[in-house]
């Protein structure tokens, strides 16, 4: 059963990277607009007014890029 150890570990890393990519990287507010940036490149905008608009701009980050950024994040954190 040890022949699958590498495949299992690779899938664990992919799953962890996907969870990490959906987490908030930073929140920035200016001119009545709140920007929420995520690790996967998505940016969510929200107007800070009553009945303000909300919209999201999707990042075009591939899974390969997410895995590279996640690896960089882990090594910087260690």
PDB file of N, CA and C in Angstrom:
ATOM      1  N   UNK A   1       0.798  -1.206   0.000  1.00  0.00           N
ATOM      2  CA  UNK A   1       0.000   0.000   0.000  1.00  0.00           C
ATOM      3  C   UNK A   1       0.840   1.269   0.000  1.00  0.00           C
ATOM      4  N   UNK A   2       2.136   1.142   0.204  1.00  0.00           N
ATOM      5  CA  UNK A   2       2.964   2.340   0.231  1.00  0.00           C
ATOM      6  C   UNK A   2       3.174   2.953  -1.145  1.00  0.00           C
ATOM      7  N   UNK A   3       2.787   2.242  -2.207  1.00  0.00           N
ATOM      8  CA  UNK A   3       2.955   2.798  -3.550  1.00  0.00           C
ATOM      9  C   UNK A   3       2.029   3.986  -3.784  1.00  0.00           C
ATOM     10  N   UNK A   4       1.013   4.168  -2.951  1.00  0.00           N
ATOM     11  CA  UNK A   4       0.069   5.262  -3.111  1.00  0.00           C
ATOM     12  C   UNK A   4       0.382   6.466  -2.224  1.00  0.00           C
ATOM     13  N   UNK A   5       1.392   6.353  -1.386  1.00  0.00           N
ATOM     14  CA  UNK A   5       1.722   7.434  -0.461  1.00  0.00           C
ATOM     15  C   UNK A   5       1.963   8.754  -1.184  1.00  0.00           C
ATOM     16  N   UNK A   6       2.700   8.711  -2.274  1.00  0.00           N
ATOM     17  CA  UNK A   6       3.021   9.932  -3.015  1.00  0.00           C
ATOM     18  C   UNK A   6       1.767  10.555  -3.632  1.00  0.00           C
ATOM     19  N   UNK A   7       0.898   9.724  -4.181  1.00  0.00           N
ATOM     20  CA  UNK A   7      -0.342  10.229  -4.785  1.00  0.00           C
ATOM     21  C   UNK A   7      -1.267  10.818  -3.725  1.00  0.00           C
ATOM     22  N   UNK A   8      -1.338  10.171  -2.586  1.00  0.00           N
ATOM     23  CA  UNK A   8      -2.190  10.662  -1.493  1.00  0.00           C
ATOM     24  C   UNK A   8      -1.657  11.996  -0.972  1.00  0.00           C
ATOM     25  N   UNK A   9      -0.345  12.093  -0.806  1.00  0.00           N
ATOM     26  CA  UNK A   9       0.247  13.336  -0.312  1.00  0.00           C
ATOM     27  C   UNK A   9       0.054  14.471  -1.318  1.00  0.00           C
ATOM     28  N   UNK A  10       0.164  14.172  -2.604  1.00  0.00           N
ATOM     29  CA  UNK A  10      -0.048  15.185  -3.639  1.00  0.00           C
ATOM     30  C   UNK A  10      -1.487  15.700  -3.593  1.00  0.00           C
ATOM     31  N   UNK A  11      -2.458  14.784  -3.410  1.00  0.00           N
ATOM     32  CA  UNK A  11      -3.858  15.196  -3.345  1.00  0.00           C
ATOM     33  C   UNK A  11      -4.134  16.008  -2.086  1.00  0.00           C
ATOM     34  N   UNK A  12      -3.490  15.666  -0.977  1.00  0.00           N
ATOM     35  CA  UNK A  12      -3.637  16.462   0.255  1.00  0.00           C
ATOM     36  C   UNK A  12      -3.137  17.881   0.035  1.00  0.00           C
ATOM     37  N   UNK A  13      -2.008  17.988  -0.673  1.00  0.00           N
ATOM     38  CA  UNK A  13      -1.447  19.307  -0.957  1.00  0.00           C
ATOM     39  C   UNK A  13      -2.380  20.116  -1.856  1.00  0.00           C
ATOM     40  N   UNK A  14      -2.968  19.473  -2.861  1.00  0.00           N
ATOM     41  CA  UNK A  14      -3.914  20.149  -3.757  1.00  0.00           C
ATOM     42  C   UNK A  14      -5.135  20.618  -2.973  1.00  0.00           C
ATOM     43  N   UNK A  15      -5.662  19.757  -2.118  1.00  0.00           N
ATOM     44  CA  UNK A  15      -6.838  20.129  -1.315  1.00  0.00           C
ATOM     45  C   UNK A  15      -6.526  21.301  -0.385  1.00  0.00           C
ATOM     46  N   UNK A  16      -5.363  21.271   0.248  1.00  0.00           N
ATOM     47  CA  UNK A  16      -4.973  22.363   1.149  1.00  0.00           C
ATOM     48  C   UNK A  16      -4.805  23.666   0.367  1.00  0.00           C
ATOM     49  N   UNK A  17      -4.242  23.589  -0.839  1.00  0.00           N
ATOM     50  CA  UNK A  17      -4.054  24.790  -1.670  1.00  0.00           C
ATOM     51  C   UNK A  17      -5.394  25.369  -2.101  1.00  0.00           C
ATOM     52  N   UNK A  18      -6.360  24.514  -2.429  1.00  0.00           N
ATOM     53  CA  UNK A  18      -7.678  25.000  -2.830  1.00  0.00           C
ATOM     54  C   UNK A  18      -8.387  25.700  -1.680  1.00  0.00           C
ATOM     55  N   UNK A  19      -8.248  25.176  -0.481  1.00  0.00           N
ATOM     56  CA  UNK A  19      -8.846  25.818   0.697  1.00  0.00           C
ATOM     57  C   UNK A  19      -8.153  27.149   0.964  1.00  0.00           C
ATOM     58  N   UNK A  20      -6.825  27.169   0.889  1.00  0.00           N
ATOM     59  CA  UNK A  20      -6.047  28.388   1.103  1.00  0.00           C
ATOM     60  C   UNK A  20      -6.408  29.466   0.086  1.00  0.00           C
ATOM     61  N   UNK A  21      -6.635  29.072  -1.168  1.00  0.00           N
ATOM     62  CA  UNK A  21      -6.921  30.028  -2.239  1.00  0.00           C
ATOM     63  C   UNK A  21      -8.228  30.785  -2.004  1.00  0.00           C
ATOM     64  N   UNK A  22      -9.154  30.201  -1.279  1.00  0.00           N
ATOM     65  CA  UNK A  22     -10.441  30.840  -1.022  1.00  0.00           C
ATOM     66  C   UNK A  22     -10.417  31.748   0.209  1.00  0.00           C
ATOM     67  N   UNK A  23      -9.278  31.802   0.896  1.00  0.00           N
ATOM     68  CA  UNK A  23      -9.171  32.628   2.100  1.00  0.00           C
ATOM     69  C   UNK A  23      -8.804  34.064   1.738  1.00  0.00           C
ATOM     70  N   UNK A  24      -9.161  34.978   2.631  1.00  0.00           N
ATOM     71  CA  UNK A  24      -8.916  36.404   2.410  1.00  0.00           C
ATOM     72  C   UNK A  24      -7.436  36.712   2.549  1.00  0.00           C
ATOM     73  N   UNK A  25      -6.925  37.450   1.575  1.00  0.00           N
ATOM     74  CA  UNK A  25      -5.526  37.894   1.585  1.00  0.00           C
ATOM     75  C   UNK A  25      -5.415  39.265   2.233  1.00  0.00           C
ATOM     76  N   UNK A  26      -6.313  40.182   1.838  1.00  0.00           N
ATOM     77  CA  UNK A  26      -6.314  41.528   2.412  1.00  0.00           C
ATOM     78  C   UNK A  26      -7.672  42.178   2.207  1.00  0.00           C
ATOM     79  N   UNK A  27      -7.953  43.167   3.055  1.00  0.00           N
ATOM     80  CA  UNK A  27      -9.157  43.980   2.930  1.00  0.00           C
ATOM     81  C   UNK A  27      -8.694  45.430   2.834  1.00  0.00           C
ATOM     82  N   UNK A  28      -9.221  46.130   1.850  1.00  0.00           N
ATOM     83  CA  UNK A  28      -8.786  47.508   1.590  1.00  0.00           C
ATOM     84  C   UNK A  28     -10.024  48.368   1.386  1.00  0.00           C
ATOM     85  N   UNK A  29     -10.094  49.494   2.072  1.00  0.00           N
ATOM     86  CA  UNK A  29     -11.225  50.395   1.936  1.00  0.00           C
ATOM     87  C   UNK A  29     -10.788  51.772   1.472  1.00  0.00           C
ATOM     88  N   UNK A  30     -11.512  52.329   0.497  1.00  0.00           N
ATOM     89  CA  UNK A  30     -11.216  53.676   0.015  1.00  0.00           C
ATOM     90  C   UNK A  30     -12.431  54.229  -0.720  1.00  0.00           C
ATOM     91  N   UNK A  31     -12.659  55.519  -0.587  1.00  0.00           N
ATOM     92  CA  UNK A  31     -13.734  56.226  -1.285  1.00  0.00           C
ATOM     93  C   UNK A  31     -15.098  55.530  -1.166  1.00  0.00           C
ATOM     94  N   UNK A  32     -15.389  54.965  -0.001  1.00  0.00           N
ATOM     95  CA  UNK A  32     -16.677  54.328   0.218  1.00  0.00           C
ATOM     96  C   UNK A  32     -16.807  52.947  -0.404  1.00  0.00           C
ATOM     97  N   UNK A  33     -15.715  52.353  -0.870  1.00  0.00           N
ATOM     98  CA  UNK A  33     -15.734  51.016  -1.457  1.00  0.00           C
ATOM     99  C   UNK A  33     -14.790  50.124  -0.657  1.00  0.00           C
ATOM    100  N   UNK A  34     -15.276  48.944  -0.300  1.00  0.00           N
ATOM    101  CA  UNK A  34     -14.463  47.976   0.422  1.00  0.00           C
ATOM    102  C   UNK A  34     -14.053  46.887  -0.565  1.00  0.00           C
ATOM    103  N   UNK A  35     -12.743  46.681  -0.694  1.00  0.00           N
ATOM    104  CA  UNK A  35     -12.208  45.638  -1.573  1.00  0.00           C
ATOM    105  C   UNK A  35     -11.710  44.492  -0.706  1.00  0.00           C
ATOM    106  N   UNK A  36     -12.149  43.285  -1.025  1.00  0.00           N
ATOM    107  CA  UNK A  36     -11.671  42.095  -0.343  1.00  0.00           C
ATOM    108  C   UNK A  36     -10.910  41.260  -1.367  1.00  0.00           C
ATOM    109  N   UNK A  37      -9.611  41.102  -1.144  1.00  0.00           N
ATOM    110  CA  UNK A  37      -8.759  40.342  -2.052  1.00  0.00           C
ATOM    111  C   UNK A  37      -8.566  38.937  -1.500  1.00  0.00           C
ATOM    112  N   UNK A  38      -8.632  37.939  -2.369  1.00  0.00           N
ATOM    113  CA  UNK A  38      -8.452  36.548  -1.994  1.00  0.00           C
ATOM    114  C   UNK A  38      -7.144  36.028  -2.593  1.00  0.00           C
ATOM    115  N   UNK A  39      -6.628  34.934  -2.041  1.00  0.00           N
ATOM    116  CA  UNK A  39      -5.363  34.374  -2.506  1.00  0.00           C
ATOM    117  C   UNK A  39      -5.435  33.883  -3.955  1.00  0.00           C
ATOM    118  N   UNK A  40      -6.618  33.531  -4.450  1.00  0.00           N
ATOM    119  CA  UNK A  40      -6.733  33.027  -5.823  1.00  0.00           C
ATOM    120  C   UNK A  40      -6.863  34.148  -6.857  1.00  0.00           C
ATOM    121  N   UNK A  41      -6.768  35.400  -6.434  1.00  0.00           N
ATOM    122  CA  UNK A  41      -6.816  36.522  -7.352  1.00  0.00           C
ATOM    123  C   UNK A  41      -8.182  37.172  -7.477  1.00  0.00           C
ATOM    124  N   UNK A  42      -9.216  36.580  -6.884  1.00  0.00           N
ATOM    125  CA  UNK A  42     -10.549  37.184  -6.920  1.00  0.00           C
ATOM    126  C   UNK A  42     -10.567  38.449  -6.065  1.00  0.00           C
ATOM    127  N   UNK A  43     -11.341  39.433  -6.516  1.00  0.00           N
ATOM    128  CA  UNK A  43     -11.528  40.662  -5.746  1.00  0.00           C
ATOM    129  C   UNK A  43     -13.024  40.922  -5.640  1.00  0.00           C
ATOM    130  N   UNK A  44     -13.507  41.058  -4.410  1.00  0.00           N
ATOM    131  CA  UNK A  44     -14.916  41.338  -4.156  1.00  0.00           C
ATOM    132  C   UNK A  44     -15.032  42.807  -3.746  1.00  0.00           C
ATOM    133  N   UNK A  45     -15.880  43.546  -4.450  1.00  0.00           N
ATOM    134  CA  UNK A  45     -16.093  44.969  -4.173  1.00  0.00           C
ATOM    135  C   UNK A  45     -17.456  45.150  -3.518  1.00  0.00           C
ATOM    136  N   UNK A  46     -17.523  46.087  -2.584  1.00  0.00           N
ATOM    137  CA  UNK A  46     -18.786  46.379  -1.907  1.00  0.00           C
ATOM    138  C   UNK A  46     -18.832  47.869  -1.593  1.00  0.00           C
ATOM    139  N   UNK A  47     -19.885  48.525  -2.060  1.00  0.00           N
ATOM    140  CA  UNK A  47     -20.076  49.938  -1.739  1.00  0.00           C
ATOM    141  C   UNK A  47     -20.581  50.048  -0.305  1.00  0.00           C
ATOM    142  N   UNK A  48     -20.005  50.962   0.436  1.00  0.00           N
ATOM    143  CA  UNK A  48     -20.344  51.138   1.841  1.00  0.00           C
ATOM    144  C   UNK A  48     -21.422  52.209   1.983  1.00  0.00           C
ATOM    145  N   UNK A  49     -22.550  51.989   1.323  1.00  0.00           N
ATOM    146  CA  UNK A  49     -23.699  52.888   1.405  1.00  0.00           C
ATOM    147  C   UNK A  49     -24.951  52.036   1.557  1.00  0.00           C
ATOM    148  N   UNK A  50     -26.036  52.624   2.061  1.00  0.00           N
ATOM    149  CA  UNK A  50     -27.282  51.855   2.107  1.00  0.00           C
ATOM    150  C   UNK A  50     -27.668  51.422   0.691  1.00  0.00           C
ATOM    151  N   UNK A  51     -28.015  50.187   0.534  1.00  0.00           N
ATOM    152  CA  UNK A  51     -28.364  49.578  -0.755  1.00  0.00           C
ATOM    153  C   UNK A  51     -27.216  49.692  -1.766  1.00  0.00           C
ATOM    154  N   UNK A  52     -25.988  49.614  -1.265  1.00  0.00           N
ATOM    155  CA  UNK A  52     -24.810  49.697  -2.135  1.00  0.00           C
ATOM    156  C   UNK A  52     -24.648  48.441  -2.972  1.00  0.00           C
ATOM    157  N   UNK A  53     -23.982  48.600  -4.105  1.00  0.00           N
ATOM    158  CA  UNK A  53     -23.753  47.474  -5.008  1.00  0.00           C
ATOM    159  C   UNK A  53     -22.659  46.559  -4.458  1.00  0.00           C
ATOM    160  N   UNK A  54     -22.723  45.293  -4.873  1.00  0.00           N
ATOM    161  CA  UNK A  54     -21.697  44.310  -4.571  1.00  0.00           C
ATOM    162  C   UNK A  54     -21.370  43.585  -5.871  1.00  0.00           C
ATOM    163  N   UNK A  55     -20.083  43.416  -6.143  1.00  0.00           N
ATOM    164  CA  UNK A  55     -19.702  42.667  -7.341  1.00  0.00           C
ATOM    165  C   UNK A  55     -18.337  42.028  -7.112  1.00  0.00           C
ATOM    166  N   UNK A  56     -18.060  41.016  -7.927  1.00  0.00           N
ATOM    167  CA  UNK A  56     -16.816  40.271  -7.807  1.00  0.00           C
ATOM    168  C   UNK A  56     -16.124  40.205  -9.155  1.00  0.00           C
ATOM    169  N   UNK A  57     -14.824  40.424  -9.145  1.00  0.00           N
ATOM    170  CA  UNK A  57     -13.992  40.264 -10.336  1.00  0.00           C
ATOM    171  C   UNK A  57     -13.159  39.000 -10.120  1.00  0.00           C
ATOM    172  N   UNK A  58     -13.339  38.026 -10.992  1.00  0.00           N
ATOM    173  CA  UNK A  58     -12.652  36.748 -10.850  1.00  0.00           C
ATOM    174  C   UNK A  58     -11.208  36.857 -11.325  1.00  0.00           C
ATOM    175  N   UNK A  59     -10.316  36.264 -10.570  1.00  0.00           N
ATOM    176  CA  UNK A  59      -8.915  36.189 -10.970  1.00  0.00           C
ATOM    177  C   UNK A  59      -8.736  35.031 -11.943  1.00  0.00           C
ATOM    178  N   UNK A  60      -7.789  35.142 -12.829  1.00  0.00           N
ATOM    179  CA  UNK A  60      -7.555  34.096 -13.822  1.00  0.00           C
ATOM    180  C   UNK A  60      -6.351  33.254 -13.428  1.00  0.00           C
ATOM    181  N   UNK A  61      -6.322  32.805 -12.185  1.00  0.00           N
ATOM    182  CA  UNK A  61      -5.190  32.040 -11.701  1.00  0.00           C
ATOM    183  C   UNK A  61      -5.440  30.551 -11.949  1.00  0.00           C
ATOM    184  N   UNK A  62      -4.486  29.883 -12.567  1.00  0.00           N
ATOM    185  CA  UNK A  62      -4.617  28.452 -12.839  1.00  0.00           C
ATOM    186  C   UNK A  62      -4.303  27.653 -11.571  1.00  0.00           C
ATOM    187  N   UNK A  63      -4.653  26.372 -11.593  1.00  0.00           N
ATOM    188  CA  UNK A  63      -4.365  25.524 -10.431  1.00  0.00           C
ATOM    189  C   UNK A  63      -2.864  25.404 -10.204  1.00  0.00           C
ATOM    190  N   UNK A  64      -2.096  25.415 -11.292  1.00  0.00           N
ATOM    191  CA  UNK A  64      -0.639  25.349 -11.171  1.00  0.00           C
ATOM    192  C   UNK A  64      -0.102  26.588 -10.446  1.00  0.00           C
ATOM    193  N   UNK A  65      -0.635  27.759 -10.815  1.00  0.00           N
ATOM    194  CA  UNK A  65      -0.218  28.997 -10.153  1.00  0.00           C
ATOM    195  C   UNK A  65      -0.610  28.998  -8.680  1.00  0.00           C
ATOM    196  N   UNK A  66      -1.809  28.496  -8.384  1.00  0.00           N
ATOM    197  CA  UNK A  66      -2.264  28.427  -6.993  1.00  0.00           C
ATOM    198  C   UNK A  66      -1.336  27.528  -6.183  1.00  0.00           C
ATOM    199  N   UNK A  67      -0.964  26.370  -6.747  1.00  0.00           N
ATOM    200  CA  UNK A  67      -0.051  25.468  -6.041  1.00  0.00           C
ATOM    201  C   UNK A  67       1.314  26.115  -5.812  1.00  0.00           C
ATOM    202  N   UNK A  68       1.828  26.847  -6.798  1.00  0.00           N
ATOM    203  CA  UNK A  68       3.112  27.532  -6.635  1.00  0.00           C
ATOM    204  C   UNK A  68       3.026  28.606  -5.554  1.00  0.00           C
ATOM    205  N   UNK A  69       1.965  29.402  -5.582  1.00  0.00           N
ATOM    206  CA  UNK A  69       1.796  30.457  -4.573  1.00  0.00           C
ATOM    207  C   UNK A  69       1.606  29.875  -3.180  1.00  0.00           C
ATOM    208  N   UNK A  70       0.891  28.754  -3.097  1.00  0.00           N
ATOM    209  CA  UNK A  70       0.683  28.094  -1.813  1.00  0.00           C
ATOM    210  C   UNK A  70       2.010  27.570  -1.273  1.00  0.00           C
ATOM    211  N   UNK A  71       2.830  26.982  -2.138  1.00  0.00           N
ATOM    212  CA  UNK A  71       4.143  26.505  -1.721  1.00  0.00           C
ATOM    213  C   UNK A  71       5.027  27.640  -1.236  1.00  0.00           C
ATOM    214  N   UNK A  72       4.960  28.783  -1.931  1.00  0.00           N
ATOM    215  CA  UNK A  72       5.711  29.961  -1.530  1.00  0.00           C
ATOM    216  C   UNK A  72       5.233  30.458  -0.163  1.00  0.00           C
ATOM    217  N   UNK A  73       3.900  30.459   0.022  1.00  0.00           N
ATOM    218  CA  UNK A  73       3.306  30.896   1.280  1.00  0.00           C
ATOM    219  C   UNK A  73       3.780  30.009   2.426  1.00  0.00           C
ATOM    220  N   UNK A  74       3.774  28.697   2.205  1.00  0.00           N
ATOM    221  CA  UNK A  74       4.202  27.768   3.257  1.00  0.00           C
ATOM    222  C   UNK A  74       5.686  27.931   3.604  1.00  0.00           C
ATOM    223  N   UNK A  75       6.519  28.123   2.595  1.00  0.00           N
ATOM    224  CA  UNK A  75       7.949  28.269   2.884  1.00  0.00           C
ATOM    225  C   UNK A  75       8.242  29.614   3.557  1.00  0.00           C
ATOM    226  N   UNK A  76       7.523  30.664   3.188  1.00  0.00           N
ATOM    227  CA  UNK A  76       7.705  31.961   3.845  1.00  0.00           C
ATOM    228  C   UNK A  76       7.244  31.901   5.306  1.00  0.00           C
ATOM    229  N   UNK A  77       6.180  31.149   5.531  1.00  0.00           N
ATOM    230  CA  UNK A  77       5.609  31.030   6.864  1.00  0.00           C
ATOM    231  C   UNK A  77       6.523  30.224   7.802  1.00  0.00           C
ATOM    232  N   UNK A  78       7.264  29.293   7.239  1.00  0.00           N
ATOM    233  CA  UNK A  78       8.156  28.439   8.054  1.00  0.00           C
ATOM    234  C   UNK A  78       9.419  29.168   8.368  1.00  0.00           C
TER     235      UNK A  78
END
